[in-house]
Protein backbone atom coordinates (compact mmCIF):
# COMPACT_ATOMS: atom_id res chain seq x y z
CA MET A 1 0.00 0.00 0.00
CA ILE A 2 1.30 3.42 -0.79
CA ASN A 3 -0.21 5.80 1.71
CA LYS A 4 1.07 7.37 4.91
CA ARG A 5 -2.27 6.53 6.59
CA LYS A 6 -2.50 3.00 5.29
CA THR A 7 -3.52 1.34 8.54
CA VAL A 8 -4.90 -1.67 6.73
CA CYS A 9 -1.41 -2.83 5.93
CA GLY A 10 0.10 -2.53 9.35
CA CYS A 11 2.94 -0.45 7.87
CA PRO A 12 2.94 2.45 5.41
CA HIS A 13 3.93 1.84 1.84
CA ASP A 14 3.34 -1.91 1.82
CA VAL A 15 4.41 -2.74 -1.69
CA LEU A 16 6.21 -5.58 -3.29
CA ALA A 17 9.21 -4.94 -5.43
CA VAL A 18 10.16 -5.30 -9.07
CA LEU A 19 12.36 -7.58 -11.13
CA ARG A 20 15.84 -7.40 -12.63
CA LEU A 21 16.98 -10.27 -14.79
CA THR A 22 20.56 -10.09 -13.53
CA ASN A 23 19.51 -11.25 -10.09
CA ILE A 24 17.27 -14.16 -11.00
CA THR A 25 19.86 -16.88 -10.48
CA VAL A 26 20.72 -15.66 -6.99
CA VAL A 27 17.09 -15.65 -5.93
CA ASP A 28 16.33 -19.04 -7.37
CA ARG A 29 19.23 -20.52 -5.43
CA MET A 30 18.29 -18.85 -2.17
CA VAL A 31 14.57 -19.49 -2.01
CA ARG A 32 14.90 -23.26 -1.94
CA CYS A 33 15.35 -23.10 1.80
CA PRO A 34 13.03 -20.38 3.13
CA SER A 35 13.30 -18.98 6.61
CA ALA A 36 11.44 -20.60 9.46
CA ALA A 37 9.86 -17.20 10.02
CA ILE A 38 8.24 -17.45 6.57
CA ALA A 39 7.92 -21.19 6.60
CA CYS A 40 6.40 -23.28 3.86
CA THR A 41 2.84 -24.27 4.73
CA VAL A 42 0.98 -27.41 3.77
CA GLY A 43 -2.56 -27.00 2.60
CA ILE A 44 -5.23 -24.36 3.04
CA SER A 45 -8.88 -24.85 3.69
CA GLY A 46 -10.08 -22.80 0.75
CA HIS A 47 -11.90 -19.72 -0.57
CA ASP A 48 -15.29 -18.23 0.10
CA THR A 49 -16.79 -18.55 -3.36
CA ASN A 50 -20.24 -17.12 -2.53
CA THR A 51 -19.52 -13.60 -3.73
CA ASN A 52 -21.05 -11.02 -6.01
CA ALA A 53 -17.56 -9.80 -6.84
CA ALA A 54 -16.13 -9.63 -10.32
CA ASP A 55 -16.05 -12.97 -12.07
CA PHE A 56 -12.90 -14.84 -11.09
CA SER A 57 -14.21 -18.14 -12.42
CA ASP A 58 -12.12 -18.30 -15.59
CA ARG A 59 -9.35 -20.00 -13.62
CA SER A 60 -9.48 -23.29 -11.81
CA PRO A 61 -11.39 -23.07 -8.51
CA THR A 62 -9.28 -22.98 -5.38
CA PRO A 63 -9.98 -24.70 -2.08
CA ARG A 64 -12.06 -23.16 0.68
CA MET A 65 -10.14 -20.92 3.09
CA SER A 66 -10.55 -20.95 6.84
CA ASN A 67 -11.02 -17.80 8.90
CA HIS A 68 -8.22 -19.20 11.08
CA GLY A 69 -5.82 -18.35 8.29
CA VAL A 70 -3.41 -20.38 6.25
CA ALA A 71 -2.88 -23.86 7.61
CA GLY A 72 0.46 -24.69 9.11
CA GLY A 73 1.64 -21.17 9.94
CA GLY A 74 4.39 -22.30 12.30
CA ALA A 75 8.10 -22.90 11.85
CA THR A 76 8.44 -25.44 9.12
CA GLY A 77 10.45 -25.62 5.94
CA CYS A 78 13.88 -26.92 5.07
CA PRO A 79 16.08 -28.42 7.75
CA MET A 80 19.25 -26.38 8.12
CA ASN A 81 22.48 -27.88 9.30
CA GLU A 82 25.21 -25.93 11.07
CA ALA A 83 27.16 -25.46 7.84
CA LYS A 84 24.23 -23.50 6.41
CA VAL A 85 23.38 -21.65 9.62
CA ARG A 86 26.95 -20.36 10.16
CA PRO A 87 27.04 -18.10 7.04
CA ILE A 88 23.62 -16.74 7.93
CA ARG A 89 24.90 -15.84 11.40
CA ARG A 90 27.85 -14.01 9.86
CA VAL A 91 25.60 -12.01 7.55
CA THR A 92 23.23 -11.22 10.40
CA GLN A 93 26.16 -9.94 12.44
CA GLU A 94 27.23 -7.70 9.54
CA ILE A 95 23.71 -6.28 9.33
CA ASP A 96 23.61 -5.65 13.08
CA GLU A 97 26.93 -3.83 12.91
CA SER A 98 25.63 -1.64 10.10
CA VAL A 99 22.42 -0.80 11.93
CA HIS A 100 23.66 -0.30 15.46
CA VAL A 101 26.02 2.55 14.80
CA GLU A 102 26.29 5.71 16.83
CA GLY A 103 26.39 9.14 15.26
CA ALA A 104 24.17 11.81 13.77
CA PRO A 105 20.88 10.73 12.16
CA THR A 106 22.26 11.49 8.70
CA GLU A 107 25.27 9.27 9.35
CA ARG A 108 23.03 6.48 10.60
CA MET A 109 20.85 6.75 7.51
CA GLU A 110 23.90 6.59 5.26
CA ARG A 111 25.10 3.44 7.00
CA LEU A 112 21.59 2.01 6.87
CA SER A 113 21.32 2.62 3.13
CA ARG A 114 24.45 0.54 2.61
CA ILE A 115 22.89 -2.58 4.08
CA SER A 116 22.94 -5.08 1.24
CA ILE A 117 19.48 -6.22 0.12
CA GLN A 118 21.09 -9.43 -1.08
CA LYS A 119 22.51 -10.01 2.41
CA LEU A 120 19.14 -9.26 4.02
CA ILE A 121 17.63 -12.00 1.86
CA GLN A 122 20.53 -14.34 2.52
CA ALA A 123 20.09 -13.82 6.27
CA GLN A 124 16.33 -14.42 5.88
CA GLN A 125 15.49 -11.03 7.34
CA VAL A 126 12.80 -10.26 4.74
CA PHE A 127 9.50 -12.13 4.68
CA ILE A 128 5.78 -12.01 3.95
CA HIS A 129 2.82 -11.50 6.26
CA LEU A 130 -0.77 -12.07 5.18
CA GLN A 131 -3.86 -9.96 5.84
CA PRO A 132 -7.34 -11.32 5.10
CA ILE A 133 -9.79 -9.70 2.71
CA VAL A 134 -13.26 -10.59 3.99
CA HIS A 135 -16.47 -11.23 2.08
CA LEU A 136 -19.05 -9.25 4.05
CA ALA A 137 -22.08 -11.32 3.05
CA THR A 138 -20.66 -14.44 4.68
CA GLY A 139 -17.84 -13.28 6.97
CA GLY A 140 -15.55 -15.72 5.19
CA VAL A 141 -12.10 -15.07 3.72
CA PHE A 142 -12.27 -14.00 0.09
CA ALA A 143 -8.49 -13.61 -0.36
CA TYR A 144 -5.22 -12.70 1.35
CA GLU A 145 -2.92 -9.79 0.66
CA GLY A 146 0.79 -10.54 0.90
CA LEU A 147 2.70 -7.74 2.65
CA CYS A 148 6.45 -7.19 2.82
CA ARG A 149 8.08 -7.24 6.27
CA CYS A 150 11.67 -6.94 7.50
CA SER A 151 12.93 -8.13 10.89
CA VAL A 152 15.55 -5.34 11.04
CA LYS A 153 13.78 -2.76 13.21
CA GLU A 154 15.29 0.20 11.37
CA LEU A 155 13.86 -1.15 8.11
CA ALA A 156 10.41 -1.97 9.47
CA SER A 157 8.85 0.41 6.95
CA PRO A 158 8.53 -1.32 3.57
CA TYR A 159 8.85 2.12 1.97
CA GLN A 160 12.33 2.53 3.45
CA LEU A 161 13.33 -1.02 2.56
CA LEU A 162 12.25 -0.59 -1.04
CA GLY A 163 13.96 2.79 -1.25
CA ILE A 164 17.25 1.16 -0.31
CA ALA A 165 16.62 -1.63 -2.82
CA VAL A 166 16.07 0.94 -5.58
CA GLU A 167 19.28 2.78 -4.65
CA GLN A 168 21.24 -0.47 -4.81
CA GLY A 169 19.71 -1.62 -8.07
CA ALA A 170 18.38 -4.64 -6.16
CA ILE A 171 14.67 -3.96 -6.40
CA GLY A 172 14.26 -6.86 -8.82
CA LEU A 173 16.09 -9.26 -6.54
CA LEU A 174 13.89 -8.28 -3.61
CA GLY A 175 10.70 -8.36 -5.66
CA ARG A 176 11.18 -11.82 -7.06
CA TYR A 177 12.11 -13.19 -3.64
CA LEU A 178 9.00 -11.64 -2.04
CA ARG A 179 6.69 -12.92 -4.76
CA HIS A 180 8.16 -16.39 -4.39
CA GLN A 181 7.60 -16.29 -0.63
CA ALA A 182 4.04 -15.02 -1.04
CA MET A 183 3.26 -18.04 -3.21
CA LYS A 184 4.82 -20.40 -0.66
CA VAL A 185 3.09 -19.09 2.49
CA ALA A 186 -0.41 -19.31 1.00
CA PRO A 187 -0.60 -22.25 -1.41
CA GLY A 188 -3.98 -22.51 -3.11
CA ALA A 189 -5.20 -19.17 -1.81
CA ARG A 190 -6.43 -16.24 -3.85
CA LEU A 191 -3.59 -13.74 -3.39
CA PHE A 192 -3.42 -9.97 -3.78
CA ILE A 193 0.16 -8.80 -4.39
CA ASN A 194 1.37 -5.20 -4.61
CA VAL A 195 3.53 -4.25 -7.57
CA HIS A 196 5.91 -1.31 -7.69
CA PRO A 197 5.05 0.72 -10.82
CA ALA A 198 8.70 0.84 -11.91
CA GLU A 199 8.46 -2.86 -12.64
CA PHE A 200 6.62 -1.99 -15.82
CA ASP A 201 9.82 -0.50 -17.17
CA GLU A 202 11.68 -3.79 -16.95
CA GLU A 203 9.39 -6.21 -18.84
CA PHE A 204 10.18 -9.07 -16.48
CA LEU A 205 6.95 -9.21 -14.48
CA ALA A 206 5.30 -10.93 -17.43
CA SER A 207 8.17 -13.39 -17.81
CA PRO A 208 6.93 -17.01 -17.75
CA GLU A 209 9.51 -17.71 -15.03
CA ASP A 210 8.02 -15.21 -12.57
CA PRO A 211 6.68 -16.87 -9.39
CA ILE A 212 3.15 -15.53 -9.94
CA PHE A 213 2.72 -18.03 -12.76
CA THR A 214 3.55 -20.99 -10.52
CA HIS A 215 0.81 -20.25 -7.99
CA ASP A 216 -2.06 -22.72 -7.89
CA GLY A 217 -4.58 -20.08 -6.82
CA GLU A 218 -5.79 -16.84 -8.36
CA VAL A 219 -3.38 -13.89 -8.35
CA VAL A 220 -4.46 -10.24 -8.29
CA LEU A 221 -1.76 -7.62 -8.84
CA GLU A 222 -2.36 -4.30 -7.08
CA ILE A 223 -1.27 -1.12 -8.87
CA PRO A 224 -1.43 2.11 -6.80
CA GLU A 225 -3.93 4.62 -8.10
CA SER A 226 -1.32 7.37 -7.80
CA ALA A 227 1.08 5.60 -10.20
CA PRO A 228 1.28 7.49 -13.54
CA LEU A 229 1.61 4.43 -15.76
CA VAL A 230 2.01 6.60 -18.84
CA ARG A 231 5.60 7.10 -17.66
CA TYR A 232 6.36 3.43 -18.01
CA ARG A 233 7.09 2.16 -21.48
CA PHE A 234 5.76 -1.35 -21.20
CA ALA A 235 2.86 -0.83 -18.78
CA HIS A 236 -0.10 -1.63 -21.00
CA SER A 237 1.59 -4.34 -23.05
CA THR A 238 2.66 -6.00 -19.78
CA LEU A 239 -0.87 -5.77 -18.39
CA ASP A 240 -2.24 -7.34 -21.57
CA THR A 241 0.26 -10.20 -21.27
CA LEU A 242 -0.55 -10.74 -17.59
CA ARG A 243 -4.27 -10.85 -18.27
CA SER A 244 -3.80 -13.31 -21.11
CA ARG A 245 -2.19 -15.64 -18.54
CA GLY A 246 -5.05 -15.34 -16.04
CA ILE A 247 -3.68 -12.63 -13.75
CA LYS A 248 -6.20 -10.09 -12.46
CA ILE A 249 -5.55 -6.36 -11.94
CA ALA A 250 -6.60 -4.20 -8.99
CA ILE A 251 -6.35 -0.43 -8.61
CA ASP A 252 -5.03 0.18 -5.11
CA ASP A 253 -5.48 3.23 -2.84
CA PHE A 254 -8.32 4.67 -4.91
CA GLY A 255 -9.19 8.05 -3.43
CA ALA A 256 -5.81 8.55 -1.75
CA GLY A 257 -5.41 12.11 -2.97
CA TYR A 258 -4.90 11.92 -6.74
CA SER A 259 -8.14 10.23 -7.67
CA ASN A 260 -8.70 9.88 -11.38
CA ILE A 261 -11.91 8.16 -12.37
CA GLY A 262 -10.51 7.81 -15.87
CA TYR A 263 -7.96 5.38 -14.42
CA ILE A 264 -10.75 2.85 -13.99
CA THR A 265 -11.74 3.20 -17.63
CA THR A 266 -8.15 3.09 -18.87
CA LEU A 267 -6.97 0.07 -16.89
CA THR A 268 -10.34 -1.77 -16.75
CA PRO A 269 -9.41 -3.42 -13.43
CA GLU A 270 -11.22 -6.43 -12.06
CA VAL A 271 -10.94 -4.94 -8.55
CA VAL A 272 -10.87 -1.40 -7.11
CA LYS A 273 -9.62 -0.96 -3.54
CA ILE A 274 -11.01 2.20 -1.91
CA ASP A 275 -8.40 3.93 0.22
CA ARG A 276 -8.60 4.32 3.98
CA ASP A 277 -8.80 8.12 3.51
CA LEU A 278 -12.37 7.69 2.22
CA ILE A 279 -13.27 5.10 4.86
CA ALA A 280 -11.96 6.71 8.07
CA GLY A 281 -14.77 8.00 10.28
CA VAL A 282 -17.57 7.20 7.85
CA GLU A 283 -21.01 6.75 9.42
CA PRO A 284 -24.21 5.22 8.03
CA GLY A 285 -26.41 7.81 6.30
CA SER A 286 -23.64 10.40 6.03
CA ARG A 287 -22.53 12.25 2.89
CA GLN A 288 -19.29 10.29 3.06
CA GLN A 289 -21.24 7.05 3.05
CA ARG A 290 -23.27 8.19 0.02
CA LEU A 291 -20.02 8.98 -1.77
CA LEU A 292 -18.85 5.41 -1.09
CA ALA A 293 -22.14 4.09 -2.47
CA SER A 294 -21.70 6.17 -5.64
CA LEU A 295 -18.12 4.98 -6.12
CA ASN A 296 -19.23 1.38 -5.64
CA ALA A 297 -21.98 1.80 -8.24
CA LEU A 298 -19.51 3.38 -10.67
CA CYS A 299 -17.04 0.54 -10.29
CA VAL A 300 -19.72 -2.13 -10.65
CA ALA A 301 -20.94 -0.43 -13.83
CA GLN A 302 -17.36 -0.69 -15.15
CA GLY A 303 -17.21 -4.39 -14.30
CA ALA A 304 -15.02 -4.06 -11.19
CA CYS A 305 -15.49 -5.46 -7.72
CA VAL A 306 -14.85 -3.10 -4.76
CA VAL A 307 -12.82 -3.64 -1.58
CA ALA A 308 -13.08 -1.15 1.29
CA GLU A 309 -9.63 -0.79 2.86
CA GLY A 310 -8.62 0.16 6.38
CA ILE A 311 -11.82 -0.61 8.28
CA GLU A 312 -11.12 -0.28 11.99
CA THR A 313 -14.52 0.16 13.67
CA GLU A 314 -17.95 -1.44 13.58
CA THR A 315 -19.42 1.96 12.64
CA GLU A 316 -17.22 2.17 9.57
CA LEU A 317 -18.17 -1.39 8.70
CA ALA A 318 -21.90 -0.60 9.02
CA ALA A 319 -21.51 2.33 6.61
CA VAL A 320 -19.56 0.22 4.12
CA VAL A 321 -22.23 -2.48 4.20
CA GLU A 322 -24.93 0.16 3.68
CA ALA A 323 -22.97 1.44 0.68
CA GLY A 324 -23.26 -2.01 -0.89
CA ILE A 325 -19.52 -2.73 -0.95
CA PRO A 326 -19.03 -6.52 -0.90
CA LEU A 327 -15.42 -6.94 0.30
CA ALA A 328 -13.43 -5.37 3.13
CA GLN A 329 -9.98 -5.35 4.70
CA GLY A 330 -8.58 -3.76 7.84
CA TYR A 331 -7.57 -4.13 11.47
CA LEU A 332 -11.18 -4.87 12.44
CA PHE A 333 -10.90 -8.22 10.66
CA GLY A 334 -7.28 -9.10 11.30
CA TYR A 335 -3.78 -7.69 11.49
CA PRO A 336 -1.09 -8.79 9.04
CA SER A 337 0.38 -12.03 10.39
CA PRO A 338 2.17 -15.19 9.21
CA THR A 339 -1.16 -16.99 8.80
CA GLY A 340 -3.59 -14.17 7.96
CA ALA A 341 -6.11 -15.35 10.56
CA VAL A 342 -9.43 -13.49 10.83
CA GLU A 343 -10.01 -12.06 14.31
CA TRP A 344 -13.60 -10.95 13.77
CA THR A 345 -17.06 -12.35 14.40
CA PRO A 346 -19.60 -11.15 11.82
CA PRO A 347 -22.31 -9.01 13.50
CA LYS A 348 -25.98 -9.10 12.54
CA LEU A 349 -25.59 -6.03 10.32
CA VAL A 350 -23.81 -8.03 7.63
CA ARG A 351 -26.12 -8.76 4.71
CA PRO A 352 -27.26 -12.40 4.26
């Protein structure tokens, strides 16, 4: 998510990174033994398929998902002997030495920016958390969003982590690793994955080798509404290629400050995610709620399903339901976590 108020994500600027061909071999070698913190899971109980959302049925149906989140969620994965653990410890020590340095804030930031993204991946310091997207008619999980996390406290903000990756020319390395991990932590699930707009300048997202094409569930790529795709040479040709291979497109952060209704017409997304800025403090019967209802009707008329982002209170939820929006995401339903468990009991106000 690219918004300073993006509470739904748990961190601001929750976006996944982009791809550089030069780093593919390194990633492929490293992801064969994922971290215990982002352990491989076995099985998932499936999707809520009773939805009035946009038609996702052109791909093979996926299993039904549990509100308890992705099955397995604990520390599993590849066994690691001491010979493999020792290099990771050395890299982790190097990272700690780079982070825990005294001096002026500018000096600390300079040292922080020199932390190698490749070493962060090698030390298994970067991983994916899941947040549920809930179908309001049933209270069941419609999908999960995969969100980037880093265990280095100073890089807890995905925005900062990605900024360093861009500076190092390692954004592709990080992106491919994160997408691979997202596929592994939620096998069979419908997954929403954020894409940095700059990826459209590299032509590799649509490569047949990208992890999104190995996933056995539906994949929805989120593009921030504020991203001026006209700046990126291969944006629309890449989107056409992705769609031809069954990938869905979502406009993210709609209403975040640079709203352009024409974006919906231009990109023809299957999903539109309404930003927290339009959700915060909304009450049933208010002008803000009527605006949400109008936006929902507009999106439906354009063939897009709507997700209300950042819902934190039952009052906001009641207004969203009254607006006719079918899907929702936010702290009210569940925080980003390794399993994406739903922490919410549907109240009576949810439509049957």
